Amino acid sequence: MKDLRTLRVLDKFRWMFERLGADYPMMRSILALKLAMDQRRAPTILGGARNKSDHSHEDENRFMKSLWVYSIYGLLLVPLILMGNHFFFQMTTFFGILIFLIMTSLISDFSSVLLDLRDRNILLAGPVGRKTISLARAVHVTVYLFFLTGSLAAAPLLAGLFRHGPAFFLILMAALIFADLLIMAATALVYYFILRFFDGEKLRDIINYVQIFLSVSLALGYQLVGRTFELIEMERAIDPAWWQAIFPPVWFGALFELGMNGVSSPQFALFASLAILGPAWAWALYVKKMPAFESGIQKLSSGSGPSRVKVPPLNTVASRLLCRDREERAFYRFALAMMKTERDFRLKVYPSIGLSLVVPLILLLNQIRWDSFESLVHSKYYLSIYMAAIVIPTSIMMLKYSGRYKGSWLFGTAPLKTYAPFYSGTLKAFLSRLFFPVYAISGVIFCYIFGIGVLPDIVGAFLAAIVYTVFCTYLLKGSLPFSESFEASQESEGWKIILYLIPMFAFMGVHYLFTFIPYGSFLYVLIMLVASSVSWKIASRRIWV
């Protein structure tokens, strides 16, 4: 095991840890193991699981590799530092974005540190004291937060030093330390209260959804660039109100207004004091609740509690309408259960589902920025709803992976003449439970914006998405659904997904041409209705066998 540079830095503070009651050599060994294991974790921001076949980079630190991505997002915050001297507004916005990024990253990628059961189950069985384990855990999280916060704040710190001077630099450094204390304590306390009222399975679900939310937020982060530069033109200060005290970013914004501009109103004095007292109080509460928190995380090791997945009955109304025989209905029901239980599937697919909902709306909003709303309503920009189909190739690619892939041998023992019911049932489960609800929301919004007259176009685009789904099943060729390990997924497969987006734009172009024909939208619906039925039958006989 390599002697990491971080550990050599900690050696200089050995006296402090020993005075706190820790067995420093033992604590150092625990940290060395934890930091080595961190290198094997693929951060959410880099896109998920580590490739099993990638043996040439086994010693690389994946977390350290991800820091450059955070540094890029730190560059997006620089305009907030340079835009002027309205420190209350600028730094409130700055810390709002920064706290969001750090806290969601902490929850999504480093929850295993705060919720580590190995400390209790393994280390306490040996001659290791509880203080040593607790300090190792705290130092581990501190190291993570140091690198993460440093990556995000490096560019803003340098920009603040050159733009506003050393006083701004020192205030920002101190504010970052207090913000990290608040984030760490708040995250642990949120876990504590969840574990107090719910079981460990609920906490795992919450962490998974935070990972999904982080992926969607970072994918849309480029939108912050234009919005940030728009804010540069704003030349007005914002007067504080007492109710803003409930927002921690406001505390840190007031700290700069008080320290740099010398504004000494009672509101700013209150907010600035909360920037110091708030994190201190949260940390004191975290330390007080630490024994109860460590007892609560034992729930994560137990598999007790009712299953949260309610598998639908075999003969529901939806399954009878969508599936033609019992075999297809059985696989439809099976696919629904798998998509609900597979956390890795949700982590990889749900972000693209979120994007399929917001990308069409972003295109409309960007169009409004360049033109008027009236001209948008009378345009053919409603065809941007085709962008909702970006979820289809990603989802179909992921349908062949599963965390329970070792049980796929059962598929070969099933008395099936063909695997067509398996493929068709799985695809219908995806379309009905994941794609259609999101598409329906987009369709309602588009009908509200462009009028009910675009409803045939919305229906035609949905039928085209069904045909597009059949086309994308070539991504599954050679593999059964849920039959391969997620670790076998290759990052290089991303180019295939990009390639498979081309037919979606082709459908959009054909639809656009039909809008110039009288009653062309209705004709397009009729053609797509026939095409979806024919393509599904052809796939059942030639592709899914």
Protein backbone atom coordinates (compact mmCIF):
# COMPACT_ATOMS: atom_id res chain seq x y z
CA MET A 1 0.00 0.00 0.00
CA LYS A 2 1.43 3.37 -1.03
CA ASP A 3 2.31 5.98 1.58
CA LEU A 4 -0.03 8.72 0.44
CA ARG A 5 0.99 12.35 0.62
CA THR A 6 -2.14 13.13 2.61
CA LEU A 7 -0.98 10.80 5.38
CA ARG A 8 2.45 12.40 5.47
CA VAL A 9 0.78 15.78 6.00
CA LEU A 10 -1.34 14.32 8.82
CA ASP A 11 1.81 13.03 10.50
CA LYS A 12 2.72 16.61 11.33
CA PHE A 13 -0.45 16.82 13.49
CA ARG A 14 0.12 13.54 15.29
CA TRP A 15 0.42 15.29 18.64
CA MET A 16 -3.06 16.79 18.23
CA PHE A 17 -4.75 13.45 17.52
CA GLU A 18 -2.95 11.76 20.41
CA ARG A 19 -4.04 14.55 22.74
CA LEU A 20 -7.63 13.91 21.61
CA GLY A 21 -7.26 10.31 22.77
CA ALA A 22 -6.60 8.48 19.49
CA ASP A 23 -4.13 5.69 18.85
CA TYR A 24 -2.41 7.51 16.00
CA PRO A 25 -0.58 4.54 14.37
CA MET A 26 -3.85 2.60 14.29
CA MET A 27 -5.78 5.63 13.04
CA ARG A 28 -3.20 6.16 10.31
CA SER A 29 -3.52 2.54 9.17
CA ILE A 30 -7.32 2.83 9.04
CA LEU A 31 -7.07 6.03 7.01
CA ALA A 32 -4.55 4.49 4.62
CA LEU A 33 -6.96 1.65 3.90
CA LYS A 34 -9.95 3.97 3.51
CA LEU A 35 -8.10 6.33 1.16
CA ALA A 36 -6.87 3.37 -0.91
CA MET A 37 -10.44 2.10 -1.24
CA ASP A 38 -11.60 5.57 -2.33
CA GLN A 39 -9.37 5.21 -5.38
CA ARG A 40 -11.52 2.32 -6.60
CA ARG A 41 -14.79 4.24 -6.40
CA ALA A 42 -16.02 5.85 -9.62
CA PRO A 43 -17.58 9.20 -8.65
CA THR A 44 -21.09 10.00 -9.83
CA ILE A 45 -19.80 13.04 -11.70
CA LEU A 46 -17.66 10.73 -13.89
CA GLY A 47 -20.66 8.65 -14.79
CA GLY A 48 -20.95 5.55 -12.65
CA ALA A 49 -19.45 2.14 -12.39
CA ARG A 50 -15.81 1.31 -12.87
CA ASN A 51 -15.13 -0.88 -15.84
CA LYS A 52 -14.23 -4.38 -14.82
CA SER A 53 -12.13 -4.89 -17.91
CA ASP A 54 -10.01 -1.83 -17.27
CA HIS A 55 -7.08 -3.47 -15.49
CA SER A 56 -4.45 -1.09 -16.85
CA HIS A 57 -5.53 1.73 -14.53
CA GLU A 58 -6.23 -0.16 -11.32
CA ASP A 59 -3.94 2.09 -9.29
CA GLU A 60 -5.31 5.39 -10.54
CA ASN A 61 -7.22 7.56 -8.12
CA ARG A 62 -10.62 8.01 -9.67
CA PHE A 63 -11.65 10.62 -7.11
CA MET A 64 -8.60 12.76 -7.81
CA LYS A 65 -9.33 12.42 -11.54
CA SER A 66 -12.82 13.78 -10.98
CA LEU A 67 -11.56 16.97 -9.33
CA TRP A 68 -10.86 18.64 -12.66
CA VAL A 69 -14.59 18.42 -13.44
CA TYR A 70 -15.35 20.26 -10.19
CA SER A 71 -12.67 22.80 -11.09
CA ILE A 72 -14.51 23.56 -14.33
CA TYR A 73 -17.69 24.21 -12.38
CA GLY A 74 -15.63 26.42 -10.08
CA LEU A 75 -14.70 28.51 -13.11
CA LEU A 76 -18.41 29.16 -13.69
CA LEU A 77 -18.51 30.87 -10.31
CA VAL A 78 -15.69 33.32 -11.13
CA PRO A 79 -18.01 35.92 -12.78
CA LEU A 80 -19.88 36.20 -9.48
CA ILE A 81 -16.59 37.28 -7.88
CA LEU A 82 -15.63 39.72 -10.63
CA MET A 83 -19.00 41.34 -11.40
CA GLY A 84 -18.79 44.25 -8.95
CA ASN A 85 -19.07 45.20 -5.29
CA HIS A 86 -22.62 44.03 -4.53
CA PHE A 87 -21.19 41.46 -2.15
CA PHE A 88 -24.45 40.48 -0.49
CA PHE A 89 -26.07 39.39 -3.73
CA GLN A 90 -22.89 38.07 -5.36
CA MET A 91 -21.70 35.93 -2.45
CA THR A 92 -25.18 34.72 -1.52
CA THR A 93 -25.53 33.35 -5.03
CA PHE A 94 -21.96 32.03 -4.91
CA PHE A 95 -22.47 30.11 -1.68
CA GLY A 96 -25.90 28.91 -2.76
CA ILE A 97 -24.38 27.17 -5.77
CA LEU A 98 -21.29 26.03 -3.87
CA ILE A 99 -23.20 24.52 -0.94
CA PHE A 100 -25.53 22.73 -3.35
CA LEU A 101 -22.65 21.18 -5.30
CA ILE A 102 -20.67 20.15 -2.22
CA MET A 103 -23.62 18.73 -0.30
CA THR A 104 -25.03 16.73 -3.21
CA SER A 105 -21.55 15.42 -4.02
CA LEU A 106 -21.01 14.47 -0.39
CA ILE A 107 -24.30 12.58 -0.28
CA SER A 108 -23.92 10.89 -3.65
CA ASP A 109 -20.26 9.86 -3.54
CA PHE A 110 -19.20 9.80 0.09
CA SER A 111 -22.18 8.52 2.04
CA SER A 112 -20.27 5.28 2.52
CA VAL A 113 -17.90 7.18 4.83
CA LEU A 114 -20.58 8.62 7.09
CA LEU A 115 -22.50 5.34 6.99
CA ASP A 116 -19.55 2.94 7.21
CA LEU A 117 -20.53 -0.20 9.13
CA ARG A 118 -17.14 -1.87 8.74
CA ASP A 119 -15.79 0.29 11.57
CA ARG A 120 -18.22 -1.30 13.99
CA ASN A 121 -18.38 -4.80 12.60
CA ILE A 122 -14.65 -5.36 12.03
CA LEU A 123 -12.51 -2.82 13.86
CA LEU A 124 -14.34 -2.96 17.18
CA ALA A 125 -13.74 -6.70 17.26
CA GLY A 126 -10.02 -5.95 17.62
CA PRO A 127 -8.01 -3.77 19.97
CA VAL A 128 -9.23 -0.49 18.48
CA GLY A 129 -10.84 2.24 20.57
CA ARG A 130 -14.04 4.04 19.61
CA LYS A 131 -12.30 7.43 19.68
CA THR A 132 -9.74 6.20 17.17
CA ILE A 133 -12.48 4.99 14.82
CA SER A 134 -14.51 8.18 15.20
CA LEU A 135 -11.50 10.42 14.54
CA ALA A 136 -10.52 8.32 11.52
CA ARG A 137 -14.03 8.77 10.14
CA ALA A 138 -13.97 12.54 10.78
CA VAL A 139 -10.52 12.98 9.22
CA HIS A 140 -11.56 10.89 6.22
CA VAL A 141 -14.55 13.15 5.51
CA THR A 142 -12.42 16.24 6.18
CA VAL A 143 -9.85 15.13 3.60
CA TYR A 144 -12.62 14.58 1.05
CA LEU A 145 -14.21 17.96 1.73
CA PHE A 146 -10.81 19.68 1.57
CA PHE A 147 -10.09 18.42 -1.96
CA LEU A 148 -13.64 18.91 -3.17
CA THR A 149 -14.00 22.44 -1.78
CA GLY A 150 -10.49 23.33 -2.92
CA SER A 151 -11.28 22.25 -6.48
CA LEU A 152 -14.49 24.25 -6.60
CA ALA A 153 -13.10 27.35 -4.85
CA ALA A 154 -9.53 27.54 -6.23
CA ALA A 155 -10.42 29.76 -9.19
CA PRO A 156 -12.82 32.00 -7.18
CA LEU A 157 -10.19 32.42 -4.45
CA LEU A 158 -7.56 33.57 -6.94
CA ALA A 159 -10.07 35.82 -8.72
CA GLY A 160 -11.10 37.37 -5.39
CA LEU A 161 -7.48 37.92 -4.35
CA PHE A 162 -6.65 39.86 -7.53
CA ARG A 163 -10.02 41.64 -7.82
CA HIS A 164 -10.80 42.56 -4.20
CA GLY A 165 -7.54 42.07 -2.30
CA PRO A 166 -6.23 39.95 0.63
CA ALA A 167 -9.14 40.84 2.96
CA PHE A 168 -11.65 39.25 0.58
CA PHE A 169 -9.38 36.22 0.19
CA LEU A 170 -9.15 35.66 3.96
CA ILE A 171 -12.90 36.14 4.51
CA LEU A 172 -13.64 33.67 1.73
CA MET A 173 -11.21 31.12 3.19
CA ALA A 174 -12.84 31.38 6.62
CA ALA A 175 -16.34 31.25 5.13
CA LEU A 176 -15.45 28.09 3.20
CA ILE A 177 -14.29 26.38 6.40
CA PHE A 178 -17.52 27.25 8.22
CA ALA A 179 -19.57 26.21 5.18
CA ASP A 180 -17.88 22.80 5.16
CA LEU A 181 -18.55 22.37 8.88
CA LEU A 182 -22.21 23.20 8.26
CA ILE A 183 -22.47 20.84 5.29
CA MET A 184 -20.87 17.90 7.09
CA ALA A 185 -22.96 18.36 10.24
CA ALA A 186 -26.19 18.96 8.29
CA THR A 187 -25.65 15.85 6.14
CA ALA A 188 -25.01 13.65 9.16
CA LEU A 189 -28.03 15.09 11.02
CA VAL A 190 -30.28 14.49 8.00
CA TYR A 191 -29.12 10.87 8.00
CA TYR A 192 -29.74 10.66 11.74
CA PHE A 193 -33.34 11.87 11.50
CA ILE A 194 -34.06 9.61 8.51
CA LEU A 195 -32.68 6.59 10.34
CA ARG A 196 -34.65 7.52 13.43
CA PHE A 197 -38.01 7.26 11.63
CA PHE A 198 -37.25 4.97 8.68
CA ASP A 199 -35.18 1.89 7.98
CA GLY A 200 -31.92 1.62 6.07
CA GLU A 201 -33.64 0.76 2.80
CA LYS A 202 -35.37 4.16 2.76
CA LEU A 203 -32.04 5.90 3.33
CA ARG A 204 -30.45 4.00 0.44
CA ASP A 205 -33.32 5.11 -1.81
CA ILE A 206 -32.85 8.75 -0.78
CA ILE A 207 -29.11 8.59 -1.48
CA ASN A 208 -29.83 7.06 -4.88
CA TYR A 209 -32.25 9.84 -5.81
CA VAL A 210 -29.72 12.48 -4.71
CA GLN A 211 -27.21 10.83 -7.07
CA ILE A 212 -29.77 11.10 -9.86
CA PHE A 213 -30.51 14.74 -9.02
CA LEU A 214 -26.79 15.54 -9.02
CA SER A 215 -26.31 13.95 -12.44
CA VAL A 216 -29.20 15.93 -13.93
CA SER A 217 -28.03 19.17 -12.32
CA LEU A 218 -24.48 18.85 -13.59
CA ALA A 219 -25.67 17.88 -17.06
CA LEU A 220 -27.63 21.14 -17.15
CA GLY A 221 -24.86 23.18 -15.53
CA TYR A 222 -23.90 24.83 -18.81
CA GLN A 223 -27.10 26.86 -18.49
CA LEU A 224 -25.47 28.67 -15.57
CA VAL A 225 -22.94 30.25 -17.90
CA GLY A 226 -25.43 32.40 -19.78
CA ARG A 227 -27.43 33.17 -16.67
CA THR A 228 -24.31 34.24 -14.76
CA PHE A 229 -23.19 36.69 -17.43
CA GLU A 230 -26.70 38.11 -17.57
CA LEU A 231 -26.37 38.89 -13.88
CA ILE A 232 -23.24 40.94 -14.56
CA GLU A 233 -25.45 43.63 -16.07
CA MET A 234 -27.42 44.00 -12.86
CA GLU A 235 -26.44 47.17 -11.03
CA ARG A 236 -28.73 47.10 -8.06
CA ALA A 237 -28.26 45.97 -4.51
CA ILE A 238 -30.74 43.75 -2.75
CA ASP A 239 -32.12 44.89 0.59
CA PRO A 240 -32.18 42.07 3.16
CA ALA A 241 -35.31 40.93 4.98
CA TRP A 242 -35.48 39.10 8.30
CA TRP A 243 -37.02 35.95 6.77
CA GLN A 244 -33.86 35.44 4.69
CA ALA A 245 -32.16 34.23 7.88
CA ILE A 246 -33.48 30.72 7.16
CA PHE A 247 -31.15 30.44 4.13
CA PRO A 248 -27.50 29.65 5.02
CA PRO A 249 -26.06 31.16 1.79
CA VAL A 250 -27.47 34.52 2.95
CA TRP A 251 -25.38 34.25 6.13
CA PHE A 252 -22.15 34.08 4.18
CA GLY A 253 -23.23 36.80 1.74
CA ALA A 254 -23.81 39.14 4.69
CA LEU A 255 -20.37 38.29 6.04
CA PHE A 256 -18.79 39.84 2.94
CA GLU A 257 -21.14 42.83 2.91
CA LEU A 258 -20.19 43.53 6.50
CA GLY A 259 -16.46 42.91 6.08
CA MET A 260 -15.86 44.49 2.68
CA ASN A 261 -18.44 47.29 2.40
CA GLY A 262 -18.71 48.06 6.12
CA VAL A 263 -22.52 47.93 6.09
CA SER A 264 -23.63 47.62 9.72
CA SER A 265 -27.39 47.24 9.62
CA PRO A 266 -29.02 44.94 12.21
CA GLN A 267 -30.03 42.45 9.50
CA PHE A 268 -26.48 42.10 8.16
CA ALA A 269 -25.10 41.82 11.69
CA LEU A 270 -27.59 39.01 12.42
CA PHE A 271 -26.82 37.15 9.21
CA ALA A 272 -23.05 37.49 9.66
CA SER A 273 -23.22 36.15 13.21
CA LEU A 274 -25.25 33.17 11.96
CA ALA A 275 -22.46 32.40 9.48
CA ILE A 276 -20.26 31.57 12.50
CA LEU A 277 -22.77 30.50 15.14
CA GLY A 278 -24.89 28.36 12.78
CA PRO A 279 -22.12 25.93 11.75
CA ALA A 280 -20.79 25.86 15.33
CA TRP A 281 -24.24 24.97 16.70
CA ALA A 282 -24.81 22.35 14.00
CA TRP A 283 -21.44 20.76 14.72
CA ALA A 284 -22.11 20.72 18.47
CA LEU A 285 -25.46 19.02 17.84
CA TYR A 286 -23.78 16.50 15.54
CA VAL A 287 -21.20 15.64 18.21
CA LYS A 288 -23.97 15.28 20.81
CA LYS A 289 -26.00 12.98 18.57
CA MET A 290 -23.01 10.95 17.39
CA PRO A 291 -23.67 7.94 19.70
CA ALA A 292 -27.32 7.77 18.60
CA PHE A 293 -26.25 8.24 14.97
CA GLU A 294 -23.78 5.36 15.16
CA SER A 295 -26.46 3.17 16.70
CA GLY A 296 -28.90 4.17 13.98
CA ILE A 297 -26.64 3.17 11.10
CA GLN A 298 -26.89 -0.42 12.33
CA LYS A 299 -30.24 -0.42 10.49
CA LEU A 300 -28.26 -0.45 7.26
CA SER A 301 -26.88 -3.89 8.06
CA SER A 302 -30.28 -5.44 8.65
CA GLY A 303 -32.50 -6.60 5.87
CA SER A 304 -35.59 -6.35 8.01
CA GLY A 305 -38.65 -4.42 7.07
CA PRO A 306 -41.24 -4.87 4.36
CA SER A 307 -40.21 -4.79 0.74
CA ARG A 308 -40.73 -1.38 -0.85
CA VAL A 309 -41.33 -2.86 -4.27
CA LYS A 310 -44.95 -3.73 -4.92
CA VAL A 311 -44.91 -6.09 -7.87
CA PRO A 312 -48.15 -5.65 -9.85
CA PRO A 313 -50.46 -8.62 -10.36
CA LEU A 314 -50.09 -10.62 -13.53
CA ASN A 315 -53.43 -9.65 -15.05
CA THR A 316 -53.77 -5.92 -14.49
CA VAL A 317 -55.77 -3.72 -16.84
CA ALA A 318 -52.58 -2.15 -18.19
CA SER A 319 -50.89 -5.50 -18.82
CA ARG A 320 -53.99 -6.89 -20.60
CA LEU A 321 -54.16 -3.81 -22.82
CA LEU A 322 -50.46 -3.75 -23.65
CA CYS A 323 -49.54 -7.44 -23.75
CA ARG A 324 -51.20 -9.96 -26.03
CA ASP A 325 -50.47 -13.21 -24.14
CA ARG A 326 -49.56 -14.49 -20.67
CA GLU A 327 -45.87 -14.95 -21.49
CA GLU A 328 -45.49 -11.31 -22.49
CA ARG A 329 -47.50 -10.20 -19.43
CA ALA A 330 -45.20 -12.23 -17.17
CA PHE A 331 -42.07 -10.59 -18.59
CA TYR A 332 -43.79 -7.19 -18.49
CA ARG A 333 -44.40 -7.70 -14.77
CA PHE A 334 -40.85 -8.97 -14.26
CA ALA A 335 -39.32 -5.94 -16.03
CA LEU A 336 -41.39 -3.53 -13.93
CA ALA A 337 -40.05 -5.12 -10.74
CA MET A 338 -36.45 -5.07 -12.00
CA MET A 339 -36.58 -1.41 -13.01
CA LYS A 340 -37.92 -0.52 -9.57
CA THR A 341 -35.34 -2.49 -7.58
CA GLU A 342 -32.16 -1.88 -9.60
CA ARG A 343 -30.47 1.18 -8.08
CA ASP A 344 -27.67 1.15 -10.65
CA PHE A 345 -30.28 1.14 -13.43
CA ARG A 346 -32.05 4.11 -11.87
CA LEU A 347 -28.75 5.96 -11.45
CA LYS A 348 -27.87 5.53 -15.12
CA VAL A 349 -31.31 5.93 -16.69
CA TYR A 350 -33.23 8.41 -14.52
CA PRO A 351 -30.85 11.32 -15.27
CA SER A 352 -31.60 10.94 -18.98
CA ILE A 353 -35.32 10.76 -18.11
CA GLY A 354 -34.96 14.06 -16.28
CA LEU A 355 -33.14 15.52 -19.26
CA SER A 356 -35.86 14.30 -21.62
CA LEU A 357 -38.32 16.39 -19.62
CA VAL A 358 -36.30 19.60 -19.29
CA VAL A 359 -34.32 19.74 -22.57
CA PRO A 360 -37.40 20.49 -24.76
CA LEU A 361 -38.43 23.20 -22.29
CA ILE A 362 -34.92 24.69 -22.26
CA LEU A 363 -35.02 24.90 -26.05
CA LEU A 364 -38.28 26.83 -25.79
CA LEU A 365 -36.94 29.15 -23.10
CA ASN A 366 -33.80 29.88 -25.14
CA GLN A 367 -35.98 30.65 -28.15
CA ILE A 368 -38.04 33.09 -26.09
CA ARG A 369 -34.82 34.86 -25.04
CA TRP A 370 -34.04 35.54 -28.72
CA ASP A 371 -37.59 36.16 -29.89
CA SER A 372 -41.01 37.03 -28.48
CA PHE A 373 -43.43 34.59 -26.93
CA GLU A 374 -46.04 35.43 -29.59
CA SER A 375 -43.72 34.44 -32.41
CA LEU A 376 -42.87 31.21 -30.57
CA VAL A 377 -46.55 30.27 -30.27
CA HIS A 378 -47.03 30.66 -34.02
CA SER A 379 -43.85 28.76 -34.91
CA LYS A 380 -43.24 25.05 -35.42
CA TYR A 381 -40.98 24.84 -32.42
CA TYR A 382 -43.37 22.30 -30.89
CA LEU A 383 -41.40 19.69 -32.84
CA SER A 384 -38.66 20.08 -30.22
CA ILE A 385 -40.72 17.58 -28.20
CA TYR A 386 -38.80 14.95 -30.17
CA MET A 387 -35.91 15.73 -27.82
CA ALA A 388 -37.84 13.85 -25.14
CA ALA A 389 -36.78 10.68 -26.97
CA ILE A 390 -33.14 11.11 -25.92
CA VAL A 391 -33.96 8.80 -23.00
CA ILE A 392 -34.70 5.85 -25.29
CA PRO A 393 -31.21 4.73 -26.49
CA THR A 394 -29.65 5.18 -23.04
CA SER A 395 -32.43 3.21 -21.37
CA ILE A 396 -32.40 0.38 -23.89
CA MET A 397 -28.62 0.13 -23.62
CA MET A 398 -28.95 -0.20 -19.83
CA LEU A 399 -31.80 -2.73 -19.99
CA LYS A 400 -29.33 -5.53 -20.60
CA TYR A 401 -27.47 -4.90 -17.31
CA SER A 402 -28.44 -5.95 -13.82
CA GLY A 403 -26.97 -6.24 -10.35
CA ARG A 404 -28.57 -9.70 -10.20
CA TYR A 405 -27.27 -10.87 -13.57
CA LYS A 406 -26.08 -14.19 -12.12
CA GLY A 407 -29.69 -15.36 -12.02
CA SER A 408 -30.07 -14.91 -15.79
CA TRP A 409 -29.43 -18.63 -16.33
CA LEU A 410 -33.11 -19.07 -15.48
CA PHE A 411 -34.02 -17.45 -18.80
CA GLY A 412 -32.37 -20.32 -20.64
CA THR A 413 -34.39 -22.89 -18.71
CA ALA A 414 -37.74 -21.23 -19.43
CA PRO A 415 -39.92 -23.23 -21.87
CA LEU A 416 -39.95 -20.52 -24.54
CA LYS A 417 -39.99 -21.06 -28.28
CA THR A 418 -38.66 -17.55 -28.80
CA TYR A 419 -37.41 -14.69 -26.64
CA ALA A 420 -39.68 -12.21 -28.40
CA PRO A 421 -42.15 -12.04 -25.45
CA PHE A 422 -39.20 -11.25 -23.15
CA TYR A 423 -37.99 -8.35 -25.29
CA SER A 424 -41.45 -6.99 -26.09
CA GLY A 425 -42.64 -7.22 -22.47
CA THR A 426 -39.51 -5.44 -21.22
CA LEU A 427 -39.77 -2.67 -23.82
CA LYS A 428 -43.47 -2.15 -23.11
CA ALA A 429 -42.68 -1.89 -19.40
CA PHE A 430 -40.08 0.79 -20.15
CA LEU A 431 -42.35 2.73 -22.50
CA SER A 432 -45.41 2.62 -20.22
CA ARG A 433 -43.73 3.28 -16.85
CA LEU A 434 -40.72 5.47 -17.68
CA PHE A 435 -41.07 7.13 -21.06
CA PHE A 436 -44.81 7.76 -21.40
CA PRO A 437 -45.32 9.63 -18.07
CA VAL A 438 -42.47 12.03 -18.85
CA TYR A 439 -43.63 12.47 -22.43
CA ALA A 440 -47.20 13.10 -21.28
CA ILE A 441 -46.04 15.92 -18.99
CA SER A 442 -44.11 17.50 -21.86
CA GLY A 443 -47.11 17.06 -24.15
CA VAL A 444 -49.46 18.83 -21.76
CA ILE A 445 -47.01 21.75 -21.41
CA PHE A 446 -46.59 22.00 -25.19
CA CYS A 447 -50.38 21.94 -25.72
CA TYR A 448 -50.70 24.74 -23.17
CA ILE A 449 -48.05 26.84 -24.93
CA PHE A 450 -48.90 26.16 -28.58
CA GLY A 451 -52.60 25.36 -28.25
CA ILE A 452 -54.63 22.18 -28.47
CA GLY A 453 -54.17 22.22 -32.25
CA VAL A 454 -50.71 20.64 -31.89
CA LEU A 455 -52.15 17.54 -30.19
CA PRO A 456 -52.00 15.44 -33.41
CA ASP A 457 -48.33 16.37 -33.74
CA ILE A 458 -47.71 15.35 -30.12
CA VAL A 459 -49.41 11.99 -30.77
CA GLY A 460 -47.46 11.52 -34.00
CA ALA A 461 -44.18 12.21 -32.25
CA PHE A 462 -45.04 9.61 -29.59
CA LEU A 463 -45.82 6.98 -32.25
CA ALA A 464 -42.53 7.86 -33.93
CA ALA A 465 -40.82 7.27 -30.57
CA ILE A 466 -42.29 3.74 -30.52
CA VAL A 467 -40.81 3.07 -33.97
CA TYR A 468 -37.56 4.61 -32.77
CA THR A 469 -37.60 2.26 -29.76
CA VAL A 470 -37.77 -0.77 -32.07
CA PHE A 471 -34.85 0.62 -34.06
CA CYS A 472 -32.81 1.11 -30.88
CA THR A 473 -33.30 -2.53 -29.86
CA TYR A 474 -30.33 -3.31 -32.11
CA LEU A 475 -28.35 -2.04 -29.09
CA LEU A 476 -29.60 -5.14 -27.26
CA LYS A 477 -28.74 -7.55 -30.03
CA GLY A 478 -26.91 -10.57 -28.66
CA SER A 479 -27.91 -9.93 -25.04
CA LEU A 480 -31.02 -10.70 -23.06
CA PRO A 481 -32.46 -8.00 -20.80
CA PHE A 482 -31.00 -7.95 -17.27
CA SER A 483 -28.41 -10.63 -18.15
CA GLU A 484 -25.07 -8.79 -17.86
CA SER A 485 -23.21 -7.10 -15.03
CA PHE A 486 -23.12 -3.31 -14.77
CA GLU A 487 -19.36 -3.62 -14.29
CA ALA A 488 -19.14 -5.00 -17.82
CA SER A 489 -20.58 -1.82 -19.33
CA GLN A 490 -18.08 0.05 -21.44
CA GLU A 491 -17.71 3.80 -21.41
CA SER A 492 -16.86 3.52 -25.11
CA GLU A 493 -20.47 2.52 -25.78
CA GLY A 494 -21.41 6.18 -25.45
CA TRP A 495 -20.58 6.78 -29.11
CA LYS A 496 -23.22 4.20 -30.05
CA ILE A 497 -25.87 6.16 -28.18
CA ILE A 498 -24.85 9.35 -30.00
CA LEU A 499 -25.02 7.49 -33.31
CA TYR A 500 -28.49 6.18 -32.50
CA LEU A 501 -29.75 9.74 -31.96
CA ILE A 502 -29.51 10.38 -35.72
CA PRO A 503 -32.78 8.54 -36.59
CA MET A 504 -34.60 10.65 -34.01
CA PHE A 505 -33.61 13.81 -35.87
CA ALA A 506 -34.60 12.12 -39.13
CA PHE A 507 -38.11 11.51 -37.76
CA MET A 508 -38.24 15.16 -36.70
CA GLY A 509 -37.24 16.30 -40.18
CA VAL A 510 -39.86 14.11 -41.87
CA HIS A 511 -42.51 15.38 -39.44
CA TYR A 512 -41.50 18.96 -40.25
CA LEU A 513 -42.05 18.31 -43.97
CA PHE A 514 -45.51 16.87 -43.28
CA THR A 515 -46.54 20.12 -41.57
CA PHE A 516 -46.52 21.84 -44.99
CA ILE A 517 -49.15 19.42 -46.33
CA PRO A 518 -52.85 20.06 -45.69
CA TYR A 519 -53.88 17.76 -42.84
CA GLY A 520 -50.28 16.55 -42.86
CA SER A 521 -50.20 16.07 -39.08
CA PHE A 522 -53.12 13.62 -39.23
CA LEU A 523 -51.53 11.83 -42.17
CA TYR A 524 -48.27 11.55 -40.23
CA VAL A 525 -50.14 10.04 -37.26
CA LEU A 526 -51.72 7.43 -39.55
CA ILE A 527 -48.38 6.53 -41.14
CA MET A 528 -46.63 6.26 -37.76
CA LEU A 529 -49.48 4.14 -36.41
CA VAL A 530 -48.99 1.64 -39.22
CA ALA A 531 -45.19 1.88 -38.97
CA SER A 532 -45.18 1.16 -35.22
CA SER A 533 -47.39 -1.91 -35.65
CA VAL A 534 -45.39 -3.26 -38.58
CA SER A 535 -41.99 -2.57 -37.02
CA TRP A 536 -43.02 -4.31 -33.79
CA LYS A 537 -44.12 -7.43 -35.71
CA ILE A 538 -40.93 -7.48 -37.80
CA ALA A 539 -38.79 -7.15 -34.67
CA SER A 540 -40.68 -10.00 -32.97
CA ARG A 541 -39.93 -12.31 -35.91
CA ARG A 542 -36.40 -11.27 -36.90
CA ILE A 543 -34.64 -9.27 -34.15
CA TRP A 544 -35.93 -10.61 -30.81
CA VAL A 545 -35.80 -14.32 -31.63
